[in-house]
Amino acid sequence: MIGNRDLKKYSEKVDEDYASFLEDFWEFITSIYPRVFTKQTHYAIYDDHIPFLKKGIPITELIDFQYPCWYRIKYALDKCSAQSL
């Protein structure tokens, strides 16, 4: 869910218990890929990565929820980018 041609990934809103790891992650990733990753948040994501965070395993989920082809028939190779992957 991050291989799209016009990738723009926003930080996730999470419980304060996990904020330290994610702040460090986003500080790092936005310094390397500022065109793609932003610390601005759009969504609170509660998905299968949360149990890992609860166990102390540092993890985040990289999903571009703004991607219009996500799970649609128009999702084809011309909408993907190996570079963003």
PDB file of N, CA and C in Angstrom:
ATOM      1  N   MET A   1       0.803  -1.197   0.000  1.00  0.00           N
ATOM      2  CA  MET A   1       0.000   0.000   0.000  1.00  0.00           C
ATOM      3  C   MET A   1       0.845   1.259   0.000  1.00  0.00           C
ATOM      4  N   ILE A   2       2.114   1.110  -0.341  1.00  0.00           N
ATOM      5  CA  ILE A   2       2.979   2.274  -0.444  1.00  0.00           C
ATOM      6  C   ILE A   2       3.674   2.330  -1.795  1.00  0.00           C
ATOM      7  N   GLY A   3       3.281   1.525  -2.752  1.00  0.00           N
ATOM      8  CA  GLY A   3       3.950   1.485  -4.044  1.00  0.00           C
ATOM      9  C   GLY A   3       3.297   2.354  -5.100  1.00  0.00           C
ATOM     10  N   ASN A   4       2.459   3.285  -4.693  1.00  0.00           N
ATOM     11  CA  ASN A   4       1.782   4.095  -5.693  1.00  0.00           C
ATOM     12  C   ASN A   4       2.682   5.185  -6.266  1.00  0.00           C
ATOM     13  N   ARG A   5       2.339   5.608  -7.451  1.00  0.00           N
ATOM     14  CA  ARG A   5       3.164   6.550  -8.206  1.00  0.00           C
ATOM     15  C   ARG A   5       3.301   7.910  -7.523  1.00  0.00           C
ATOM     16  N   ASP A   6       2.249   8.409  -6.908  1.00  0.00           N
ATOM     17  CA  ASP A   6       2.277   9.735  -6.266  1.00  0.00           C
ATOM     18  C   ASP A   6       2.156   9.605  -4.751  1.00  0.00           C
ATOM     19  N   LEU A   7       3.053   8.850  -4.162  1.00  0.00           N
ATOM     20  CA  LEU A   7       2.985   8.550  -2.739  1.00  0.00           C
ATOM     21  C   LEU A   7       3.123   9.805  -1.873  1.00  0.00           C
ATOM     22  N   LYS A   8       2.218   9.940  -0.918  1.00  0.00           N
ATOM     23  CA  LYS A   8       2.292  10.970   0.117  1.00  0.00           C
ATOM     24  C   LYS A   8       1.805  10.303   1.391  1.00  0.00           C
ATOM     25  N   LYS A   9       2.690  10.144   2.361  1.00  0.00           N
ATOM     26  CA  LYS A   9       2.358   9.422   3.593  1.00  0.00           C
ATOM     27  C   LYS A   9       2.372  10.373   4.771  1.00  0.00           C
ATOM     28  N   TYR A  10       1.267  10.392   5.484  1.00  0.00           N
ATOM     29  CA  TYR A  10       1.111  11.225   6.668  1.00  0.00           C
ATOM     30  C   TYR A  10       1.366  10.402   7.926  1.00  0.00           C
ATOM     31  N   SER A  11       1.821  11.070   8.952  1.00  0.00           N
ATOM     32  CA  SER A  11       2.039  10.415  10.241  1.00  0.00           C
ATOM     33  C   SER A  11       0.697   9.956  10.804  1.00  0.00           C
ATOM     34  N   GLU A  12       0.739   8.935  11.636  1.00  0.00           N
ATOM     35  CA  GLU A  12      -0.490   8.450  12.252  1.00  0.00           C
ATOM     36  C   GLU A  12      -0.666   9.014  13.654  1.00  0.00           C
ATOM     37  N   LYS A  13      -1.899   9.201  14.046  1.00  0.00           N
ATOM     38  CA  LYS A  13      -2.215   9.614  15.411  1.00  0.00           C
ATOM     39  C   LYS A  13      -2.293   8.346  16.244  1.00  0.00           C
ATOM     40  N   VAL A  14      -1.581   8.330  17.355  1.00  0.00           N
ATOM     41  CA  VAL A  14      -1.575   7.140  18.201  1.00  0.00           C
ATOM     42  C   VAL A  14      -1.673   7.527  19.663  1.00  0.00           C
ATOM     43  N   ASP A  15      -1.898   6.523  20.476  1.00  0.00           N
ATOM     44  CA  ASP A  15      -1.922   6.687  21.923  1.00  0.00           C
ATOM     45  C   ASP A  15      -0.578   7.213  22.399  1.00  0.00           C
ATOM     46  N   GLU A  16      -0.582   8.021  23.420  1.00  0.00           N
ATOM     47  CA  GLU A  16       0.650   8.605  23.962  1.00  0.00           C
ATOM     48  C   GLU A  16       1.682   7.554  24.375  1.00  0.00           C
ATOM     49  N   ASP A  17       1.231   6.354  24.716  1.00  0.00           N
ATOM     50  CA  ASP A  17       2.158   5.299  25.127  1.00  0.00           C
ATOM     51  C   ASP A  17       3.150   4.942  24.029  1.00  0.00           C
ATOM     52  N   TYR A  18       2.780   5.171  22.773  1.00  0.00           N
ATOM     53  CA  TYR A  18       3.615   4.783  21.641  1.00  0.00           C
ATOM     54  C   TYR A  18       4.205   5.979  20.915  1.00  0.00           C
ATOM     55  N   ALA A  19       3.952   7.173  21.405  1.00  0.00           N
ATOM     56  CA  ALA A  19       4.345   8.389  20.702  1.00  0.00           C
ATOM     57  C   ALA A  19       5.858   8.531  20.564  1.00  0.00           C
ATOM     58  N   SER A  20       6.625   8.116  21.533  1.00  0.00           N
ATOM     59  CA  SER A  20       8.073   8.303  21.501  1.00  0.00           C
ATOM     60  C   SER A  20       8.708   7.620  20.289  1.00  0.00           C
ATOM     61  N   PHE A  21       8.406   6.351  20.080  1.00  0.00           N
ATOM     62  CA  PHE A  21       8.960   5.633  18.928  1.00  0.00           C
ATOM     63  C   PHE A  21       8.539   6.290  17.629  1.00  0.00           C
ATOM     64  N   LEU A  22       7.249   6.611  17.498  1.00  0.00           N
ATOM     65  CA  LEU A  22       6.766   7.165  16.248  1.00  0.00           C
ATOM     66  C   LEU A  22       7.319   8.559  15.976  1.00  0.00           C
ATOM     67  N   GLU A  23       7.511   9.346  17.009  1.00  0.00           N
ATOM     68  CA  GLU A  23       8.132  10.657  16.821  1.00  0.00           C
ATOM     69  C   GLU A  23       9.551  10.497  16.278  1.00  0.00           C
ATOM     70  N   ASP A  24      10.295   9.557  16.824  1.00  0.00           N
ATOM     71  CA  ASP A  24      11.653   9.289  16.345  1.00  0.00           C
ATOM     72  C   ASP A  24      11.632   8.800  14.898  1.00  0.00           C
ATOM     73  N   PHE A  25      10.712   7.883  14.595  1.00  0.00           N
ATOM     74  CA  PHE A  25      10.603   7.345  13.244  1.00  0.00           C
ATOM     75  C   PHE A  25      10.307   8.453  12.247  1.00  0.00           C
ATOM     76  N   TRP A  26       9.312   9.276  12.554  1.00  0.00           N
ATOM     77  CA  TRP A  26       8.913  10.334  11.609  1.00  0.00           C
ATOM     78  C   TRP A  26       9.970  11.420  11.494  1.00  0.00           C
ATOM     79  N   GLU A  27      10.684  11.684  12.536  1.00  0.00           N
ATOM     80  CA  GLU A  27      11.786  12.644  12.459  1.00  0.00           C
ATOM     81  C   GLU A  27      12.835  12.132  11.472  1.00  0.00           C
ATOM     82  N   PHE A  28      13.148  10.854  11.563  1.00  0.00           N
ATOM     83  CA  PHE A  28      14.129  10.224  10.683  1.00  0.00           C
ATOM     84  C   PHE A  28      13.639  10.167   9.236  1.00  0.00           C
ATOM     85  N   ILE A  29      12.457   9.625   9.016  1.00  0.00           N
ATOM     86  CA  ILE A  29      11.976   9.382   7.649  1.00  0.00           C
ATOM     87  C   ILE A  29      11.693  10.686   6.909  1.00  0.00           C
ATOM     88  N   THR A  30      11.207  11.710   7.616  1.00  0.00           N
ATOM     89  CA  THR A  30      10.954  12.985   6.934  1.00  0.00           C
ATOM     90  C   THR A  30      12.247  13.713   6.586  1.00  0.00           C
ATOM     91  N   SER A  31      13.318  13.425   7.313  1.00  0.00           N
ATOM     92  CA  SER A  31      14.601  14.045   6.974  1.00  0.00           C
ATOM     93  C   SER A  31      15.198  13.416   5.719  1.00  0.00           C
ATOM     94  N   ILE A  32      14.864  12.165   5.448  1.00  0.00           N
ATOM     95  CA  ILE A  32      15.400  11.464   4.284  1.00  0.00           C
ATOM     96  C   ILE A  32      14.516  11.660   3.047  1.00  0.00           C
ATOM     97  N   TYR A  33      13.199  11.554   3.233  1.00  0.00           N
ATOM     98  CA  TYR A  33      12.242  11.646   2.124  1.00  0.00           C
ATOM     99  C   TYR A  33      11.175  12.703   2.409  1.00  0.00           C
ATOM    100  N   PRO A  34      11.557  13.968   2.478  1.00  0.00           N
ATOM    101  CA  PRO A  34      10.581  14.994   2.849  1.00  0.00           C
ATOM    102  C   PRO A  34       9.469  15.207   1.825  1.00  0.00           C
ATOM    103  N   ARG A  35       9.696  14.834   0.575  1.00  0.00           N
ATOM    104  CA  ARG A  35       8.658  14.990  -0.448  1.00  0.00           C
ATOM    105  C   ARG A  35       7.531  13.971  -0.275  1.00  0.00           C
ATOM    106  N   VAL A  36       7.862  12.839   0.294  1.00  0.00           N
ATOM    107  CA  VAL A  36       6.896  11.743   0.430  1.00  0.00           C
ATOM    108  C   VAL A  36       6.288  11.673   1.827  1.00  0.00           C
ATOM    109  N   PHE A  37       7.115  11.803   2.844  1.00  0.00           N
ATOM    110  CA  PHE A  37       6.655  11.632   4.218  1.00  0.00           C
ATOM    111  C   PHE A  37       6.511  12.979   4.915  1.00  0.00           C
ATOM    112  N   THR A  38       5.425  13.135   5.654  1.00  0.00           N
ATOM    113  CA  THR A  38       5.193  14.363   6.396  1.00  0.00           C
ATOM    114  C   THR A  38       4.758  14.035   7.820  1.00  0.00           C
ATOM    115  N   LYS A  39       5.133  14.886   8.748  1.00  0.00           N
ATOM    116  CA  LYS A  39       4.734  14.680  10.151  1.00  0.00           C
ATOM    117  C   LYS A  39       3.300  15.107  10.400  1.00  0.00           C
ATOM    118  N   GLN A  40       2.694  15.735   9.421  1.00  0.00           N
ATOM    119  CA  GLN A  40       1.286  16.119   9.543  1.00  0.00           C
ATOM    120  C   GLN A  40       0.441  14.850   9.660  1.00  0.00           C
ATOM    121  N   THR A  41      -0.529  14.851  10.573  1.00  0.00           N
ATOM    122  CA  THR A  41      -1.367  13.666  10.747  1.00  0.00           C
ATOM    123  C   THR A  41      -2.726  13.855  10.077  1.00  0.00           C
ATOM    124  N   HIS A  42      -3.255  12.761   9.580  1.00  0.00           N
ATOM    125  CA  HIS A  42      -4.591  12.760   8.987  1.00  0.00           C
ATOM    126  C   HIS A  42      -5.501  11.719   9.624  1.00  0.00           C
ATOM    127  N   TYR A  43      -4.939  10.629  10.100  1.00  0.00           N
ATOM    128  CA  TYR A  43      -5.746   9.505  10.567  1.00  0.00           C
ATOM    129  C   TYR A  43      -5.204   8.926  11.872  1.00  0.00           C
ATOM    130  N   ALA A  44      -6.108   8.368  12.637  1.00  0.00           N
ATOM    131  CA  ALA A  44      -5.731   7.495  13.737  1.00  0.00           C
ATOM    132  C   ALA A  44      -5.890   6.083  13.190  1.00  0.00           C
ATOM    133  N   ILE A  45      -4.835   5.317  13.219  1.00  0.00           N
ATOM    134  CA  ILE A  45      -4.860   3.979  12.626  1.00  0.00           C
ATOM    135  C   ILE A  45      -4.803   2.940  13.727  1.00  0.00           C
ATOM    136  N   TYR A  46      -5.859   2.151  13.836  1.00  0.00           N
ATOM    137  CA  TYR A  46      -5.841   1.023  14.760  1.00  0.00           C
ATOM    138  C   TYR A  46      -5.953  -0.223  13.908  1.00  0.00           C
ATOM    139  N   ASP A  47      -4.831  -0.892  13.726  1.00  0.00           N
ATOM    140  CA  ASP A  47      -4.779  -2.041  12.836  1.00  0.00           C
ATOM    141  C   ASP A  47      -3.914  -3.117  13.479  1.00  0.00           C
ATOM    142  N   ASP A  48      -3.480  -4.083  12.696  1.00  0.00           N
ATOM    143  CA  ASP A  48      -2.756  -5.228  13.249  1.00  0.00           C
ATOM    144  C   ASP A  48      -1.361  -4.898  13.752  1.00  0.00           C
ATOM    145  N   HIS A  49      -0.893  -3.684  13.617  1.00  0.00           N
ATOM    146  CA  HIS A  49       0.419  -3.320  14.158  1.00  0.00           C
ATOM    147  C   HIS A  49       0.342  -2.900  15.626  1.00  0.00           C
ATOM    148  N   ILE A  50      -0.819  -2.538  16.117  1.00  0.00           N
ATOM    149  CA  ILE A  50      -0.988  -2.062  17.493  1.00  0.00           C
ATOM    150  C   ILE A  50      -0.600  -3.113  18.538  1.00  0.00           C
ATOM    151  N   PRO A  51      -0.977  -4.380  18.390  1.00  0.00           N
ATOM    152  CA  PRO A  51      -0.530  -5.376  19.386  1.00  0.00           C
ATOM    153  C   PRO A  51       0.993  -5.462  19.501  1.00  0.00           C
ATOM    154  N   PHE A  52       1.705  -5.248  18.402  1.00  0.00           N
ATOM    155  CA  PHE A  52       3.166  -5.244  18.458  1.00  0.00           C
ATOM    156  C   PHE A  52       3.662  -4.066  19.290  1.00  0.00           C
ATOM    157  N   LEU A  53       3.063  -2.885  19.080  1.00  0.00           N
ATOM    158  CA  LEU A  53       3.428  -1.722  19.881  1.00  0.00           C
ATOM    159  C   LEU A  53       3.164  -1.967  21.360  1.00  0.00           C
ATOM    160  N   LYS A  54       2.036  -2.600  21.658  1.00  0.00           N
ATOM    161  CA  LYS A  54       1.686  -2.888  23.053  1.00  0.00           C
ATOM    162  C   LYS A  54       2.685  -3.825  23.716  1.00  0.00           C
ATOM    163  N   LYS A  55       3.328  -4.671  22.918  1.00  0.00           N
ATOM    164  CA  LYS A  55       4.345  -5.594  23.438  1.00  0.00           C
ATOM    165  C   LYS A  55       5.740  -4.980  23.442  1.00  0.00           C
ATOM    166  N   GLY A  56       5.839  -3.705  23.053  1.00  0.00           N
ATOM    167  CA  GLY A  56       7.130  -3.023  23.073  1.00  0.00           C
ATOM    168  C   GLY A  56       7.939  -3.186  21.805  1.00  0.00           C
ATOM    169  N   ILE A  57       7.335  -3.723  20.754  1.00  0.00           N
ATOM    170  CA  ILE A  57       8.031  -3.892  19.478  1.00  0.00           C
ATOM    171  C   ILE A  57       7.786  -2.644  18.633  1.00  0.00           C
ATOM    172  N   PRO A  58       8.839  -1.894  18.309  1.00  0.00           N
ATOM    173  CA  PRO A  58       8.643  -0.666  17.537  1.00  0.00           C
ATOM    174  C   PRO A  58       8.194  -0.971  16.106  1.00  0.00           C
ATOM    175  N   ILE A  59       7.048  -0.444  15.729  1.00  0.00           N
ATOM    176  CA  ILE A  59       6.466  -0.712  14.419  1.00  0.00           C
ATOM    177  C   ILE A  59       5.519   0.418  14.046  1.00  0.00           C
ATOM    178  N   THR A  60       5.367   0.647  12.775  1.00  0.00           N
ATOM    179  CA  THR A  60       4.346   1.565  12.279  1.00  0.00           C
ATOM    180  C   THR A  60       3.754   0.963  11.018  1.00  0.00           C
ATOM    181  N   GLU A  61       2.684   1.526  10.549  1.00  0.00           N
ATOM    182  CA  GLU A  61       2.019   1.016   9.362  1.00  0.00           C
ATOM    183  C   GLU A  61       2.083   2.079   8.276  1.00  0.00           C
ATOM    184  N   LEU A  62       2.547   1.708   7.113  1.00  0.00           N
ATOM    185  CA  LEU A  62       2.687   2.660   6.017  1.00  0.00           C
ATOM    186  C   LEU A  62       1.612   2.424   4.965  1.00  0.00           C
ATOM    187  N   ILE A  63       0.512   3.127   5.117  1.00  0.00           N
ATOM    188  CA  ILE A  63      -0.597   3.035   4.171  1.00  0.00           C
ATOM    189  C   ILE A  63      -0.922   4.442   3.701  1.00  0.00           C
ATOM    190  N   ASP A  64      -1.023   4.615   2.410  1.00  0.00           N
ATOM    191  CA  ASP A  64      -1.431   5.899   1.852  1.00  0.00           C
ATOM    192  C   ASP A  64      -2.943   5.860   1.659  1.00  0.00           C
ATOM    193  N   PHE A  65      -3.679   6.350   2.642  1.00  0.00           N
ATOM    194  CA  PHE A  65      -5.140   6.320   2.580  1.00  0.00           C
ATOM    195  C   PHE A  65      -5.703   7.304   1.559  1.00  0.00           C
ATOM    196  N   GLN A  66      -4.883   8.191   1.054  1.00  0.00           N
ATOM    197  CA  GLN A  66      -5.315   9.165   0.052  1.00  0.00           C
ATOM    198  C   GLN A  66      -5.270   8.577  -1.368  1.00  0.00           C
ATOM    199  N   TYR A  67      -4.749   7.372  -1.510  1.00  0.00           N
ATOM    200  CA  TYR A  67      -4.544   6.760  -2.821  1.00  0.00           C
ATOM    201  C   TYR A  67      -5.874   6.345  -3.453  1.00  0.00           C
ATOM    202  N   PRO A  68      -6.276   6.968  -4.561  1.00  0.00           N
ATOM    203  CA  PRO A  68      -7.607   6.719  -5.134  1.00  0.00           C
ATOM    204  C   PRO A  68      -7.798   5.336  -5.753  1.00  0.00           C
ATOM    205  N   CYS A  69      -6.734   4.626  -6.056  1.00  0.00           N
ATOM    206  CA  CYS A  69      -6.850   3.304  -6.703  1.00  0.00           C
ATOM    207  C   CYS A  69      -6.837   2.156  -5.712  1.00  0.00           C
ATOM    208  N   TRP A  70      -6.746   2.439  -4.431  1.00  0.00           N
ATOM    209  CA  TRP A  70      -6.610   1.413  -3.404  1.00  0.00           C
ATOM    210  C   TRP A  70      -7.804   0.456  -3.433  1.00  0.00           C
ATOM    211  N   TYR A  71      -7.536  -0.817  -3.650  1.00  0.00           N
ATOM    212  CA  TYR A  71      -8.549  -1.874  -3.732  1.00  0.00           C
ATOM    213  C   TYR A  71      -9.621  -1.597  -4.776  1.00  0.00           C
ATOM    214  N   ARG A  72      -9.227  -1.041  -5.897  1.00  0.00           N
ATOM    215  CA  ARG A  72     -10.152  -0.764  -6.985  1.00  0.00           C
ATOM    216  C   ARG A  72      -9.652  -1.460  -8.251  1.00  0.00           C
ATOM    217  N   ILE A  73     -10.546  -1.658  -9.182  1.00  0.00           N
ATOM    218  CA  ILE A  73     -10.180  -2.326 -10.427  1.00  0.00           C
ATOM    219  C   ILE A  73      -9.164  -1.511 -11.221  1.00  0.00           C
ATOM    220  N   LYS A  74      -9.162  -0.184 -11.035  1.00  0.00           N
ATOM    221  CA  LYS A  74      -8.212   0.658 -11.764  1.00  0.00           C
ATOM    222  C   LYS A  74      -6.790   0.588 -11.200  1.00  0.00           C
ATOM    223  N   TYR A  75      -6.600  -0.180 -10.123  1.00  0.00           N
ATOM    224  CA  TYR A  75      -5.271  -0.369  -9.542  1.00  0.00           C
ATOM    225  C   TYR A  75      -4.479  -1.238 -10.507  1.00  0.00           C
ATOM    226  N   ALA A  76      -3.581  -0.640 -11.269  1.00  0.00           N
ATOM    227  CA  ALA A  76      -2.828  -1.352 -12.297  1.00  0.00           C
ATOM    228  C   ALA A  76      -1.373  -0.896 -12.261  1.00  0.00           C
ATOM    229  N   LEU A  77      -0.537  -1.563 -13.022  1.00  0.00           N
ATOM    230  CA  LEU A  77       0.893  -1.276 -13.009  1.00  0.00           C
ATOM    231  C   LEU A  77       1.216   0.177 -13.340  1.00  0.00           C
ATOM    232  N   ASP A  78       0.409   0.810 -14.195  1.00  0.00           N
ATOM    233  CA  ASP A  78       0.690   2.204 -14.541  1.00  0.00           C
ATOM    234  C   ASP A  78       0.432   3.163 -13.381  1.00  0.00           C
ATOM    235  N   LYS A  79      -0.211   2.687 -12.317  1.00  0.00           N
ATOM    236  CA  LYS A  79      -0.472   3.498 -11.127  1.00  0.00           C
ATOM    237  C   LYS A  79       0.571   3.240 -10.030  1.00  0.00           C
ATOM    238  N   CYS A  80       1.499   2.326 -10.295  1.00  0.00           N
ATOM    239  CA  CYS A  80       2.477   1.913  -9.298  1.00  0.00           C
ATOM    240  C   CYS A  80       3.870   2.467  -9.627  1.00  0.00           C
ATOM    241  N   SER A  81       4.711   2.463  -8.585  1.00  0.00           N
ATOM    242  CA  SER A  81       6.066   2.931  -8.744  1.00  0.00           C
ATOM    243  C   SER A  81       7.007   2.074  -7.904  1.00  0.00           C
ATOM    244  N   ALA A  82       7.963   1.467  -8.555  1.00  0.00           N
ATOM    245  CA  ALA A  82       8.966   0.689  -7.819  1.00  0.00           C
ATOM    246  C   ALA A  82       9.797   1.616  -6.947  1.00  0.00           C
ATOM    247  N   GLN A  83       9.972   2.864  -7.370  1.00  0.00           N
ATOM    248  CA  GLN A  83      10.757   3.828  -6.589  1.00  0.00           C
ATOM    249  C   GLN A  83      10.100   4.134  -5.246  1.00  0.00           C
ATOM    250  N   SER A  84       8.792   4.294  -5.206  1.00  0.00           N
ATOM    251  CA  SER A  84       8.142   4.586  -3.926  1.00  0.00           C
ATOM    252  C   SER A  84       8.083   3.358  -3.034  1.00  0.00           C
ATOM    253  N   LEU A  85       8.130   2.182  -3.637  1.00  0.00           N
ATOM    254  CA  LEU A  85       8.144   0.962  -2.847  1.00  0.00           C
ATOM    255  C   LEU A  85       9.456   0.842  -2.108  1.00  0.00           C
TER     256      LEU A  85
END
